[in-house]
């Protein structure tokens, strides 16, 4: 089950954190994984983990023309594209009454606009594969809010709705589209959030039924499943990966 041999998977922001966890899941099932990231050293380190079939592309997807270049380099490998994981993202923290236009636009450009451009450009290749899979990284903030991330929450809420549109529009082409909603996962982004709030660490532990912060390795299984033929009838979903945080009353 979950055999992805012979399929190419592009994972944006796949050189660390949640993205690397997703990439590990795809690689473990036999996919040829291409990861993007701005940091070449992190890209190189990811390749050592993902194995000899993996490939890395240094890219800032918010820059003009970068999504087209990344897709072109991926397709130049010669095996098409069957799996697209839109995971690259950023967060700039400020309360709603203080967030600037620049902060708002920066977050939405990376989290939403670049994702849309890459997905739109990848459509012909995903369709041609006969079993296209789109996996978009939303957030628990897709479904509820916190005071310090209005731009991030807005972008991630839009990711879920965009994914549903993909699921409906592209089902006829054999393409599924699903989003995942990470909870509090131990990554560089959330470590900075803990610096913003001294009580965050303990409050997450107290509210999470599983009693711990998440780890990027918790995303290995969901990547393998959603990308597989066994998940061919699952589309348009938004799946929390949060240890029960969003379910706790």
Protein backbone atom coordinates (compact mmCIF):
# COMPACT_ATOMS: atom_id res chain seq x y z
CA UNK A 1 0.00 0.00 0.00
CA UNK A 2 0.94 3.65 -0.56
CA UNK A 3 3.48 2.76 -3.26
CA UNK A 4 4.64 5.96 -4.99
CA UNK A 5 7.41 4.43 -7.07
CA UNK A 6 8.03 6.25 -10.33
CA UNK A 7 6.17 9.39 -9.28
CA UNK A 8 7.72 12.84 -8.89
CA UNK A 9 6.69 14.93 -5.89
CA UNK A 10 7.44 18.65 -5.56
CA UNK A 11 7.43 19.90 -1.96
CA UNK A 12 7.80 23.64 -1.49
CA UNK A 13 9.45 24.62 1.76
CA UNK A 14 10.53 21.01 1.95
CA UNK A 15 14.01 21.54 3.36
CA UNK A 16 12.99 21.63 7.03
CA UNK A 17 10.21 21.45 9.59
CA UNK A 18 6.81 20.21 8.46
CA UNK A 19 7.85 20.28 4.80
CA UNK A 20 10.74 17.93 5.41
CA UNK A 21 8.44 15.62 7.36
CA UNK A 22 6.07 15.51 4.39
CA UNK A 23 8.96 14.96 1.99
CA UNK A 24 10.25 12.06 4.12
CA UNK A 25 6.88 10.36 3.91
CA UNK A 26 6.81 10.62 0.12
CA UNK A 27 10.41 9.48 -0.28
CA UNK A 28 9.85 6.51 2.03
CA UNK A 29 7.12 5.30 -0.33
CA UNK A 30 9.36 5.50 -3.38
CA UNK A 31 8.61 8.94 -4.82
CA UNK A 32 11.32 11.01 -6.42
CA UNK A 33 11.13 14.12 -4.25
CA UNK A 34 12.05 17.66 -5.27
CA UNK A 35 12.23 20.16 -2.41
CA UNK A 36 12.48 23.94 -2.55
CA UNK A 37 13.86 26.34 0.00
CA UNK A 38 15.72 29.62 0.15
CA UNK A 39 18.61 28.30 2.27
CA UNK A 40 21.09 26.24 0.21
CA UNK A 41 22.68 24.70 3.31
CA UNK A 42 19.28 23.48 4.53
CA UNK A 43 18.55 22.18 1.05
CA UNK A 44 21.78 20.18 1.06
CA UNK A 45 21.06 18.80 4.53
CA UNK A 46 17.58 17.73 3.41
CA UNK A 47 19.01 15.83 0.45
CA UNK A 48 21.19 13.79 2.80
CA UNK A 49 18.03 12.72 4.64
CA UNK A 50 15.86 12.13 1.57
CA UNK A 51 18.30 9.96 -0.37
CA UNK A 52 19.95 9.78 -3.75
CA UNK A 53 16.76 10.21 -5.80
CA UNK A 54 15.94 13.57 -4.22
CA UNK A 55 16.63 16.95 -5.79
CA UNK A 56 16.68 20.46 -4.30
CA UNK A 57 15.97 23.82 -5.89
CA UNK A 58 17.02 27.03 -4.16
CA UNK A 59 14.12 29.45 -4.61
CA UNK A 60 12.14 32.29 -3.08
CA UNK A 61 8.69 31.56 -4.46
CA UNK A 62 7.46 35.08 -3.76
CA UNK A 63 9.93 36.53 -6.28
CA UNK A 64 8.72 37.20 -9.86
CA UNK A 65 9.07 34.19 -12.14
CA UNK A 66 10.26 31.81 -9.44
CA UNK A 67 7.25 29.49 -9.49
CA UNK A 68 7.64 29.01 -13.25
CA UNK A 69 11.36 28.33 -12.86
CA UNK A 70 10.83 25.78 -10.09
CA UNK A 71 8.22 23.94 -12.13
CA UNK A 72 10.40 24.00 -15.25
CA UNK A 73 13.38 22.57 -13.36
CA UNK A 74 11.19 19.86 -11.86
CA UNK A 75 9.76 18.84 -15.22
CA UNK A 76 13.26 18.91 -16.74
CA UNK A 77 14.07 15.86 -14.61
CA UNK A 78 12.03 13.98 -17.17
CA UNK A 79 9.39 12.11 -15.20
CA UNK A 80 6.57 14.64 -15.12
CA UNK A 81 4.86 15.67 -11.89
CA UNK A 82 2.29 13.61 -10.00
CA UNK A 83 2.33 15.14 -6.51
CA UNK A 84 2.42 18.81 -5.55
CA UNK A 85 2.80 19.75 -1.90
CA UNK A 86 2.40 23.49 -1.27
CA UNK A 87 4.03 23.93 2.10
CA UNK A 88 6.19 27.08 1.85
CA UNK A 89 4.95 29.77 4.19
CA UNK A 90 5.82 32.57 6.56
CA UNK A 91 4.31 34.50 9.46
CA UNK A 92 4.81 38.09 10.60
CA UNK A 93 3.25 38.65 14.01
CA UNK A 94 1.27 41.76 14.93
CA UNK A 95 -2.22 42.36 16.34
CA UNK A 96 -4.90 43.36 13.82
CA UNK A 97 -4.77 47.05 14.72
CA UNK A 98 -1.01 47.21 14.19
CA UNK A 99 -0.41 45.01 11.15
CA UNK A 100 1.03 47.05 8.29
CA UNK A 101 0.22 46.81 4.59
CA UNK A 102 3.73 45.52 3.99
CA UNK A 103 3.39 42.75 6.58
CA UNK A 104 -0.05 41.77 5.28
CA UNK A 105 1.07 41.67 1.65
CA UNK A 106 4.28 39.76 2.42
CA UNK A 107 2.44 36.98 4.24
CA UNK A 108 -0.30 36.64 1.63
CA UNK A 109 2.17 36.74 -1.25
CA UNK A 110 4.12 33.77 0.09
CA UNK A 111 1.35 31.75 1.73
CA UNK A 112 -1.39 32.22 -0.84
CA UNK A 113 -0.43 33.95 -4.09
CA UNK A 114 2.74 31.96 -4.82
CA UNK A 115 0.88 28.74 -4.00
CA UNK A 116 -1.85 29.65 -6.47
CA UNK A 117 0.62 30.47 -9.24
CA UNK A 118 2.54 27.23 -8.83
CA UNK A 119 -0.60 25.10 -8.62
CA UNK A 120 -2.11 26.74 -11.69
CA UNK A 121 1.09 26.20 -13.66
CA UNK A 122 1.37 22.57 -12.49
CA UNK A 123 -2.15 21.63 -13.61
CA UNK A 124 -1.23 20.23 -17.07
CA UNK A 125 1.46 18.00 -15.59
CA UNK A 126 -0.74 16.79 -12.75
CA UNK A 127 -3.51 15.99 -15.22
CA UNK A 128 -1.13 14.16 -17.56
CA UNK A 129 0.09 11.96 -14.70
CA UNK A 130 -3.34 10.35 -14.43
CA UNK A 131 -3.22 10.37 -10.63
CA UNK A 132 -2.43 13.96 -9.66
CA UNK A 133 -2.32 14.84 -5.99
CA UNK A 134 -2.30 18.32 -4.45
CA UNK A 135 -1.60 18.63 -0.73
CA UNK A 136 -1.75 22.16 0.69
CA UNK A 137 -0.53 23.11 4.15
CA UNK A 138 -3.12 25.18 5.96
CA UNK A 139 -3.07 25.65 9.71
CA UNK A 140 -5.21 25.33 12.81
CA UNK A 141 -5.54 29.09 12.27
CA UNK A 142 -7.53 28.21 9.17
CA UNK A 143 -10.39 27.47 11.57
CA UNK A 144 -9.82 29.72 14.59
CA UNK A 145 -7.88 32.85 15.43
CA UNK A 146 -5.13 34.16 17.67
CA UNK A 147 -4.49 37.80 18.42
CA UNK A 148 -0.99 38.02 16.92
CA UNK A 149 -1.44 36.44 13.46
CA UNK A 150 -4.25 38.09 11.48
CA UNK A 151 -2.45 37.95 8.13
CA UNK A 152 -1.32 34.36 8.65
CA UNK A 153 -4.79 33.26 9.71
CA UNK A 154 -6.40 34.98 6.74
CA UNK A 155 -3.96 33.38 4.33
CA UNK A 156 -4.39 29.91 5.78
CA UNK A 157 -8.16 30.17 5.82
CA UNK A 158 -7.96 31.04 2.14
CA UNK A 159 -5.71 28.02 1.52
CA UNK A 160 -8.49 25.69 2.70
CA UNK A 161 -11.13 27.33 0.52
CA UNK A 162 -8.81 27.37 -2.50
CA UNK A 163 -8.13 23.68 -1.98
CA UNK A 164 -11.85 22.92 -2.00
CA UNK A 165 -12.16 24.75 -5.33
CA UNK A 166 -9.34 22.63 -6.76
CA UNK A 167 -11.00 19.46 -5.53
CA UNK A 168 -14.28 20.29 -7.26
CA UNK A 169 -12.78 21.65 -10.48
CA UNK A 170 -10.14 19.00 -11.10
CA UNK A 171 -11.86 15.81 -9.93
CA UNK A 172 -12.76 15.08 -13.55
CA UNK A 173 -9.04 14.94 -14.32
CA UNK A 174 -8.27 12.36 -11.65
CA UNK A 175 -6.65 14.98 -9.42
CA UNK A 176 -7.38 15.09 -5.71
CA UNK A 177 -6.74 18.16 -3.56
CA UNK A 178 -6.64 18.14 0.21
CA UNK A 179 -5.29 20.41 2.91
CA UNK A 180 -3.65 19.57 6.20
CA UNK A 181 -4.02 21.75 9.27
CA UNK A 182 -0.94 21.55 11.48
CA UNK A 183 -1.38 22.39 15.13
CA UNK A 184 1.42 23.44 17.42
CA UNK A 185 4.43 21.73 15.86
CA UNK A 186 8.00 22.19 17.09
CA UNK A 187 9.51 24.17 14.18
CA UNK A 188 11.52 27.34 13.68
CA UNK A 189 8.29 29.32 13.20
CA UNK A 190 6.71 28.16 16.44
CA UNK A 191 9.92 28.63 18.39
CA UNK A 192 9.73 32.30 17.44
CA UNK A 193 6.08 32.30 18.54
CA UNK A 194 7.16 31.06 21.95
CA UNK A 195 9.46 34.06 22.21
CA UNK A 196 6.42 36.26 21.51
CA UNK A 197 4.38 34.61 24.31
CA UNK A 198 6.00 33.34 27.51
CA UNK A 199 2.94 31.24 28.40
CA UNK A 200 2.48 29.56 25.02
CA UNK A 201 4.49 26.40 25.66
CA UNK A 202 2.61 25.37 28.79
CA UNK A 203 -0.80 26.37 27.43
CA UNK A 204 -0.27 24.17 24.36
CA UNK A 205 0.69 21.21 26.53
CA UNK A 206 -2.31 21.72 28.79
CA UNK A 207 -4.81 21.91 25.93
CA UNK A 208 -3.43 19.18 23.66
CA UNK A 209 -5.00 15.80 24.50
CA UNK A 210 -1.89 13.97 23.32
CA UNK A 211 0.07 15.95 25.91
CA UNK A 212 2.95 17.14 23.73
CA UNK A 213 3.93 19.47 20.94
CA UNK A 214 3.89 17.95 17.48
CA UNK A 215 7.02 16.93 15.61
CA UNK A 216 7.70 17.16 11.86
CA UNK A 217 7.88 13.37 11.79
CA UNK A 218 4.15 13.34 12.62
CA UNK A 219 3.54 14.32 8.96
CA UNK A 220 5.23 11.33 7.35
CA UNK A 221 2.10 9.18 7.39
CA UNK A 222 -0.39 11.76 6.16
CA UNK A 223 1.83 12.60 3.18
CA UNK A 224 2.16 8.96 2.19
CA UNK A 225 -1.57 8.37 2.51
CA UNK A 226 -2.94 11.44 0.71
CA UNK A 227 -0.48 11.04 -2.16
CA UNK A 228 -1.34 7.38 -2.71
CA UNK A 229 -3.84 5.58 -4.92
CA UNK A 230 -5.51 4.33 -1.74
CA UNK A 231 -6.70 7.93 -1.11
CA UNK A 232 -8.14 8.40 -4.61
CA UNK A 233 -11.69 8.95 -3.29
CA UNK A 234 -10.62 11.50 -0.66
CA UNK A 235 -10.67 15.08 -1.91
CA UNK A 236 -11.60 18.52 -0.61
CA UNK A 237 -10.83 17.63 2.99
CA UNK A 238 -9.02 19.66 5.65
CA UNK A 239 -7.34 17.30 8.09
CA UNK A 240 -6.04 18.56 11.47
CA UNK A 241 -2.65 17.19 12.50
CA UNK A 242 -2.64 18.62 15.99
CA UNK A 243 -2.80 15.92 18.65
CA UNK A 244 -6.44 16.79 19.27
CA UNK A 245 -5.82 20.48 20.02
CA UNK A 246 -8.62 21.76 17.78
CA UNK A 247 -11.05 19.13 19.14
CA UNK A 248 -10.55 19.93 22.81
CA UNK A 249 -13.48 21.86 24.27
